[in-house]
C-alpha atoms as a PDB file:
ATOM      1  CA  UNK A   1     -37.858 105.166  14.482  1.00  0.00           C
ATOM      2  CA  UNK A   2     -35.661 103.108  16.756  1.00  0.00           C
ATOM      3  CA  UNK A   3     -35.807 104.196  20.365  1.00  0.00           C
ATOM      4  CA  UNK A   4     -33.373 103.359  23.099  1.00  0.00           C
ATOM      5  CA  UNK A   5     -35.073 102.194  26.258  1.00  0.00           C
ATOM      6  CA  UNK A   6     -34.470 100.254  29.416  1.00  0.00           C
ATOM      7  CA  UNK A   7     -36.353  96.985  29.864  1.00  0.00           C
ATOM      8  CA  UNK A   8     -35.676  95.420  33.249  1.00  0.00           C
ATOM      9  CA  UNK A   9     -31.870  95.342  33.529  1.00  0.00           C
ATOM     10  CA  UNK A  10     -31.228  95.783  29.786  1.00  0.00           C
ATOM     11  CA  UNK A  11     -30.624  98.837  27.630  1.00  0.00           C
ATOM     12  CA  UNK A  12     -32.203  98.058  24.250  1.00  0.00           C
ATOM     13  CA  UNK A  13     -33.013  99.410  20.828  1.00  0.00           C
ATOM     14  CA  UNK A  14     -36.703  98.967  20.142  1.00  0.00           C
ATOM     15  CA  UNK A  15     -38.841  99.529  17.062  1.00  0.00           C
ATOM     16  CA  UNK A  16     -42.314  98.597  15.872  1.00  0.00           C
ATOM     17  CA  UNK A  17     -42.968  97.931  12.188  1.00  0.00           C
ATOM     18  CA  UNK A  18     -46.442  97.860  10.674  1.00  0.00           C
ATOM     19  CA  UNK A  19     -46.690  95.699   7.571  1.00  0.00           C
ATOM     20  CA  UNK A  20     -49.622  95.941   5.175  1.00  0.00           C
ATOM     21  CA  UNK A  21     -50.214  92.250   4.605  1.00  0.00           C
ATOM     22  CA  UNK A  22     -49.282  88.860   6.013  1.00  0.00           C
ATOM     23  CA  UNK A  23     -47.237  88.274   2.835  1.00  0.00           C
ATOM     24  CA  UNK A  24     -45.083  91.341   3.606  1.00  0.00           C
ATOM     25  CA  UNK A  25     -44.867  90.331   7.270  1.00  0.00           C
ATOM     26  CA  UNK A  26     -43.573  86.877   6.308  1.00  0.00           C
ATOM     27  CA  UNK A  27     -41.011  88.368   3.935  1.00  0.00           C
ATOM     28  CA  UNK A  28     -39.851  90.846   6.573  1.00  0.00           C
ATOM     29  CA  UNK A  29     -39.545  88.342   9.419  1.00  0.00           C
ATOM     30  CA  UNK A  30     -37.820  85.756   7.217  1.00  0.00           C
ATOM     31  CA  UNK A  31     -35.274  88.327   6.079  1.00  0.00           C
ATOM     32  CA  UNK A  32     -34.647  89.504   9.655  1.00  0.00           C
ATOM     33  CA  UNK A  33     -34.083  85.897  10.734  1.00  0.00           C
ATOM     34  CA  UNK A  34     -31.733  85.322   7.791  1.00  0.00           C
ATOM     35  CA  UNK A  35     -29.829  88.481   8.752  1.00  0.00           C
ATOM     36  CA  UNK A  36     -29.633  87.399  12.385  1.00  0.00           C
ATOM     37  CA  UNK A  37     -28.087  84.079  11.343  1.00  0.00           C
ATOM     38  CA  UNK A  38     -25.658  85.844   9.012  1.00  0.00           C
ATOM     39  CA  UNK A  39     -24.583  88.265  11.769  1.00  0.00           C
ATOM     40  CA  UNK A  40     -24.837  85.652  14.549  1.00  0.00           C
ATOM     41  CA  UNK A  41     -26.801  88.247  16.498  1.00  0.00           C
ATOM     42  CA  UNK A  42     -30.380  87.392  17.387  1.00  0.00           C
ATOM     43  CA  UNK A  43     -33.035  90.015  18.169  1.00  0.00           C
ATOM     44  CA  UNK A  44     -36.236  89.496  20.075  1.00  0.00           C
ATOM     45  CA  UNK A  45     -39.116  89.495  17.591  1.00  0.00           C
ATOM     46  CA  UNK A  46     -42.720  89.909  18.685  1.00  0.00           C
ATOM     47  CA  UNK A  47     -45.451  89.445  16.083  1.00  0.00           C
ATOM     48  CA  UNK A  48     -49.034  90.610  16.505  1.00  0.00           C
ATOM     49  CA  UNK A  49     -51.066  90.151  13.317  1.00  0.00           C
ATOM     50  CA  UNK A  50     -49.209  92.405  10.835  1.00  0.00           C
ATOM     51  CA  UNK A  51     -47.248  94.366  13.454  1.00  0.00           C
ATOM     52  CA  UNK A  52     -43.749  93.299  14.360  1.00  0.00           C
ATOM     53  CA  UNK A  53     -41.764  94.666  17.283  1.00  0.00           C
ATOM     54  CA  UNK A  54     -38.017  94.110  17.307  1.00  0.00           C
ATOM     55  CA  UNK A  55     -35.772  94.541  20.318  1.00  0.00           C
ATOM     56  CA  UNK A  56     -31.995  94.550  19.955  1.00  0.00           C
ATOM     57  CA  UNK A  57     -29.322  94.392  22.629  1.00  0.00           C
ATOM     58  CA  UNK A  58     -26.073  92.559  23.194  1.00  0.00           C
ATOM     59  CA  UNK A  59     -26.917  89.742  25.582  1.00  0.00           C
ATOM     60  CA  UNK A  60     -23.439  89.502  27.163  1.00  0.00           C
ATOM     61  CA  UNK A  61     -23.565  93.156  28.201  1.00  0.00           C
ATOM     62  CA  UNK A  62     -27.317  93.811  28.485  1.00  0.00           C
ATOM     63  CA  UNK A  63     -26.592  96.987  26.559  1.00  0.00           C
ATOM     64  CA  UNK A  64     -26.588  98.425  23.039  1.00  0.00           C
ATOM     65  CA  UNK A  65     -23.370  98.053  21.062  1.00  0.00           C
ATOM     66  CA  UNK A  66     -22.187  98.990  17.561  1.00  0.00           C
ATOM     67  CA  UNK A  67     -23.366  95.574  16.426  1.00  0.00           C
ATOM     68  CA  UNK A  68     -26.935  96.390  17.479  1.00  0.00           C
ATOM     69  CA  UNK A  69     -26.807  99.733  15.703  1.00  0.00           C
ATOM     70  CA  UNK A  70     -25.518  98.080  12.512  1.00  0.00           C
ATOM     71  CA  UNK A  71     -28.233  95.450  12.687  1.00  0.00           C
ATOM     72  CA  UNK A  72     -30.938  98.085  13.242  1.00  0.00           C
ATOM     73  CA  UNK A  73     -29.835  99.838  10.039  1.00  0.00           C
ATOM     74  CA  UNK A  74     -29.897  96.580   8.099  1.00  0.00           C
ATOM     75  CA  UNK A  75     -33.383  95.780   9.432  1.00  0.00           C
ATOM     76  CA  UNK A  76     -34.543  99.215   8.269  1.00  0.00           C
ATOM     77  CA  UNK A  77     -33.142  98.386   4.811  1.00  0.00           C
ATOM     78  CA  UNK A  78     -35.174  95.163   4.768  1.00  0.00           C
ATOM     79  CA  UNK A  79     -38.293  97.162   5.638  1.00  0.00           C
ATOM     80  CA  UNK A  80     -37.527  99.684   2.879  1.00  0.00           C
ATOM     81  CA  UNK A  81     -37.114  96.802   0.401  1.00  0.00           C
ATOM     82  CA  UNK A  82     -40.760  95.957   1.030  1.00  0.00           C
ATOM     83  CA  UNK A  83     -41.741  99.408  -0.257  1.00  0.00           C
ATOM     84  CA  UNK A  84     -39.722  98.743  -3.419  1.00  0.00           C
ATOM     85  CA  UNK A  85     -41.492  95.393  -3.860  1.00  0.00           C
ATOM     86  CA  UNK A  86     -44.885  96.930  -3.073  1.00  0.00           C
ATOM     87  CA  UNK A  87     -44.565  99.822  -5.535  1.00  0.00           C
ATOM     88  CA  UNK A  88     -42.756  97.777  -8.158  1.00  0.00           C
ATOM     89  CA  UNK A  89     -45.784  95.633  -8.911  1.00  0.00           C
END
């Protein structure tokens, strides 16, 4: 689940994703980066082995906006796509 939290002077949306394999991690991160380019809205992405933590906020405002909420939903869809790929084999 996405949680809203304050980090320093920013209000952010924050979520940790656990991927099963490096292959799924690469797919996930690549798709998030592609989405960020498409939306011209760039999250902070922290990778630790197969865990990925994503932090969203609107840099100009240091706060969460509708754009962040929309992006969080699209990132969740990318993560759900991995389950379709995983169980479709």
